[in-house]
């Protein structure tokens, strides 16, 4: 598929080749950015679980103190 795109770009001229090259670079950059965002989301989800556990523990302590 990429070979056809390159072949068409080469036949269409320099601007088409530059467009395709920049397009490919943009796709690669977007993929790397997406992976970083997914890692960040997973990290934040893990931390949120810890915060929820702490919240539950605090609620239990409040109940014990009220008695």
N, C-alpha and C. Protein backbone atom coordinates (compact mmCIF):
# COMPACT_ATOMS: atom_id res chain seq x y z
N UNK A 1 0.83 -1.19 0.00
CA UNK A 1 0.00 0.00 0.00
C UNK A 1 0.87 1.26 0.00
N UNK A 2 1.86 1.29 0.91
CA UNK A 2 2.72 2.47 0.97
C UNK A 2 3.52 2.63 -0.31
N UNK A 3 3.86 1.50 -0.93
CA UNK A 3 4.62 1.57 -2.18
C UNK A 3 3.80 2.26 -3.27
N UNK A 4 2.51 1.96 -3.32
CA UNK A 4 1.63 2.61 -4.31
C UNK A 4 1.53 4.10 -4.03
N UNK A 5 1.41 4.44 -2.76
CA UNK A 5 1.30 5.85 -2.39
C UNK A 5 2.57 6.59 -2.78
N UNK A 6 3.74 5.99 -2.48
CA UNK A 6 5.00 6.63 -2.85
C UNK A 6 5.13 6.75 -4.37
N UNK A 7 4.74 5.69 -5.07
CA UNK A 7 4.84 5.71 -6.53
C UNK A 7 3.97 6.83 -7.11
N UNK A 8 2.75 6.96 -6.59
CA UNK A 8 1.85 8.01 -7.05
C UNK A 8 2.42 9.39 -6.71
N UNK A 9 2.97 9.51 -5.50
CA UNK A 9 3.54 10.80 -5.08
C UNK A 9 4.74 11.17 -5.95
N UNK A 10 5.58 10.20 -6.26
CA UNK A 10 6.75 10.48 -7.09
C UNK A 10 6.31 10.93 -8.48
N UNK A 11 5.30 10.27 -9.02
CA UNK A 11 4.80 10.64 -10.35
C UNK A 11 4.08 11.98 -10.34
N UNK A 12 3.54 12.38 -9.20
CA UNK A 12 2.79 13.63 -9.12
C UNK A 12 3.68 14.83 -8.86
N UNK A 13 4.89 14.62 -8.43
CA UNK A 13 5.80 15.75 -8.24
C UNK A 13 6.30 15.88 -6.82
N UNK A 14 7.15 16.88 -6.65
CA UNK A 14 7.82 17.11 -5.38
C UNK A 14 6.84 17.43 -4.25
N UNK A 15 5.85 18.26 -4.50
CA UNK A 15 4.91 18.65 -3.45
C UNK A 15 4.11 17.46 -2.95
N UNK A 16 3.75 16.57 -3.85
CA UNK A 16 3.03 15.37 -3.43
C UNK A 16 3.92 14.49 -2.57
N UNK A 17 5.19 14.36 -2.94
CA UNK A 17 6.13 13.57 -2.14
C UNK A 17 6.30 14.17 -0.75
N UNK A 18 6.44 15.48 -0.69
CA UNK A 18 6.58 16.14 0.60
C UNK A 18 5.34 15.96 1.46
N UNK A 19 4.17 16.06 0.84
CA UNK A 19 2.92 15.87 1.57
C UNK A 19 2.85 14.47 2.15
N UNK A 20 3.17 13.47 1.35
CA UNK A 20 3.11 12.09 1.83
C UNK A 20 4.12 11.87 2.95
N UNK A 21 5.32 12.41 2.79
CA UNK A 21 6.35 12.25 3.83
C UNK A 21 5.89 12.88 5.14
N UNK A 22 5.35 14.08 5.08
CA UNK A 22 4.86 14.74 6.29
C UNK A 22 3.68 14.00 6.89
N UNK A 23 2.83 13.46 6.04
CA UNK A 23 1.68 12.70 6.51
C UNK A 23 2.13 11.46 7.27
N UNK A 24 3.11 10.75 6.74
CA UNK A 24 3.63 9.55 7.40
C UNK A 24 4.27 9.92 8.74
N UNK A 25 5.04 11.00 8.77
CA UNK A 25 5.64 11.44 10.03
C UNK A 25 4.58 11.81 11.05
N UNK A 26 3.52 12.45 10.61
CA UNK A 26 2.43 12.83 11.51
C UNK A 26 1.75 11.60 12.10
N UNK A 27 1.55 10.58 11.29
CA UNK A 27 0.93 9.35 11.78
C UNK A 27 1.81 8.69 12.83
N UNK A 28 3.12 8.63 12.58
CA UNK A 28 4.04 8.03 13.55
C UNK A 28 4.05 8.83 14.85
N UNK A 29 4.06 10.15 14.74
CA UNK A 29 4.06 11.00 15.92
C UNK A 29 2.77 10.83 16.71
N UNK A 30 1.67 10.75 16.02
CA UNK A 30 0.38 10.56 16.69
C UNK A 30 0.32 9.23 17.42
N UNK A 31 0.89 8.22 16.83
CA UNK A 31 0.91 6.90 17.47
C UNK A 31 1.72 6.94 18.76
N UNK A 32 2.88 7.58 18.73
CA UNK A 32 3.71 7.69 19.93
C UNK A 32 2.99 8.50 21.01
N UNK A 33 2.35 9.59 20.61
CA UNK A 33 1.62 10.42 21.56
C UNK A 33 0.47 9.64 22.18
N UNK A 34 -0.23 8.87 21.38
CA UNK A 34 -1.35 8.06 21.88
C UNK A 34 -0.87 7.05 22.91
N UNK A 35 0.27 6.42 22.66
CA UNK A 35 0.82 5.46 23.63
C UNK A 35 1.15 6.14 24.96
N UNK A 36 1.72 7.36 24.89
CA UNK A 36 2.03 8.08 26.12
C UNK A 36 0.75 8.44 26.87
N UNK A 37 -0.28 8.87 26.15
CA UNK A 37 -1.55 9.19 26.80
C UNK A 37 -2.17 7.96 27.45
N UNK A 38 -2.10 6.82 26.78
CA UNK A 38 -2.66 5.59 27.35
C UNK A 38 -1.91 5.22 28.63
N UNK A 39 -0.59 5.35 28.62
CA UNK A 39 0.19 5.06 29.83
C UNK A 39 -0.18 6.01 30.96
N UNK A 40 -0.37 7.28 30.64
CA UNK A 40 -0.75 8.26 31.65
C UNK A 40 -2.13 7.93 32.23
N UNK A 41 -3.07 7.58 31.37
CA UNK A 41 -4.41 7.23 31.83
C UNK A 41 -4.37 6.02 32.74
N UNK A 42 -3.60 5.01 32.37
CA UNK A 42 -3.48 3.81 33.21
C UNK A 42 -2.87 4.14 34.56
N UNK A 43 -1.86 4.99 34.56
CA UNK A 43 -1.22 5.39 35.81
C UNK A 43 -2.20 6.15 36.71
N UNK A 44 -2.95 7.06 36.13
CA UNK A 44 -3.92 7.82 36.91
C UNK A 44 -5.04 6.93 37.44
N UNK A 45 -5.44 5.94 36.67
CA UNK A 45 -6.48 5.02 37.12
C UNK A 45 -6.00 4.22 38.32
N UNK A 46 -4.75 3.78 38.30
CA UNK A 46 -4.20 3.05 39.44
C UNK A 46 -4.16 3.93 40.68
N UNK A 47 -3.77 5.18 40.51
CA UNK A 47 -3.70 6.10 41.65
C UNK A 47 -5.08 6.41 42.18
N UNK A 48 -6.07 6.48 41.31
CA UNK A 48 -7.43 6.73 41.75
C UNK A 48 -7.95 5.56 42.59
N UNK A 49 -7.60 4.35 42.22
CA UNK A 49 -7.99 3.19 43.02
C UNK A 49 -7.42 3.29 44.43
N UNK A 50 -6.17 3.73 44.54
CA UNK A 50 -5.53 3.88 45.85
C UNK A 50 -6.26 4.95 46.66
N UNK A 51 -6.62 6.05 46.03
CA UNK A 51 -7.34 7.13 46.72
C UNK A 51 -8.70 6.62 47.20
N UNK A 52 -9.38 5.82 46.40
CA UNK A 52 -10.67 5.29 46.81
C UNK A 52 -10.54 4.35 48.01
N UNK A 53 -9.48 3.56 48.03
CA UNK A 53 -9.23 2.67 49.18
C UNK A 53 -8.98 3.51 50.43
N UNK A 54 -8.19 4.56 50.31
CA UNK A 54 -7.92 5.44 51.45
C UNK A 54 -9.21 6.09 51.92
N UNK A 55 -10.06 6.52 51.00
CA UNK A 55 -11.34 7.14 51.36
C UNK A 55 -12.20 6.16 52.15
N UNK A 56 -12.26 4.93 51.69
CA UNK A 56 -13.05 3.92 52.41
C UNK A 56 -12.49 3.69 53.82
N UNK A 57 -11.17 3.65 53.95
CA UNK A 57 -10.55 3.48 55.26
C UNK A 57 -10.87 4.65 56.18
N UNK A 58 -10.85 5.85 55.65
CA UNK A 58 -11.18 7.04 56.45
C UNK A 58 -12.63 6.99 56.91
N UNK A 59 -13.52 6.55 56.04
CA UNK A 59 -14.93 6.43 56.42
C UNK A 59 -15.10 5.42 57.56
N UNK A 60 -14.37 4.32 57.49
CA UNK A 60 -14.43 3.32 58.57
C UNK A 60 -13.91 3.91 59.88
N UNK A 61 -12.82 4.66 59.80
CA UNK A 61 -12.26 5.28 61.00
C UNK A 61 -13.24 6.29 61.58
N UNK A 62 -13.91 7.06 60.75
CA UNK A 62 -14.91 8.03 61.23
C UNK A 62 -16.04 7.32 61.95
N UNK A 63 -16.48 6.20 61.42
CA UNK A 63 -17.56 5.44 62.05
C UNK A 63 -17.12 4.93 63.42
N UNK A 64 -15.88 4.45 63.51
CA UNK A 64 -15.37 3.94 64.78
C UNK A 64 -15.25 5.08 65.79
N UNK A 65 -14.79 6.24 65.37
CA UNK A 65 -14.61 7.38 66.27
C UNK A 65 -15.96 7.89 66.76
N UNK A 66 -16.99 7.85 65.93
CA UNK A 66 -18.32 8.33 66.32
C UNK A 66 -18.91 7.47 67.42
N UNK A 67 -18.55 6.20 67.48
CA UNK A 67 -19.10 5.30 68.51
C UNK A 67 -18.48 5.58 69.81
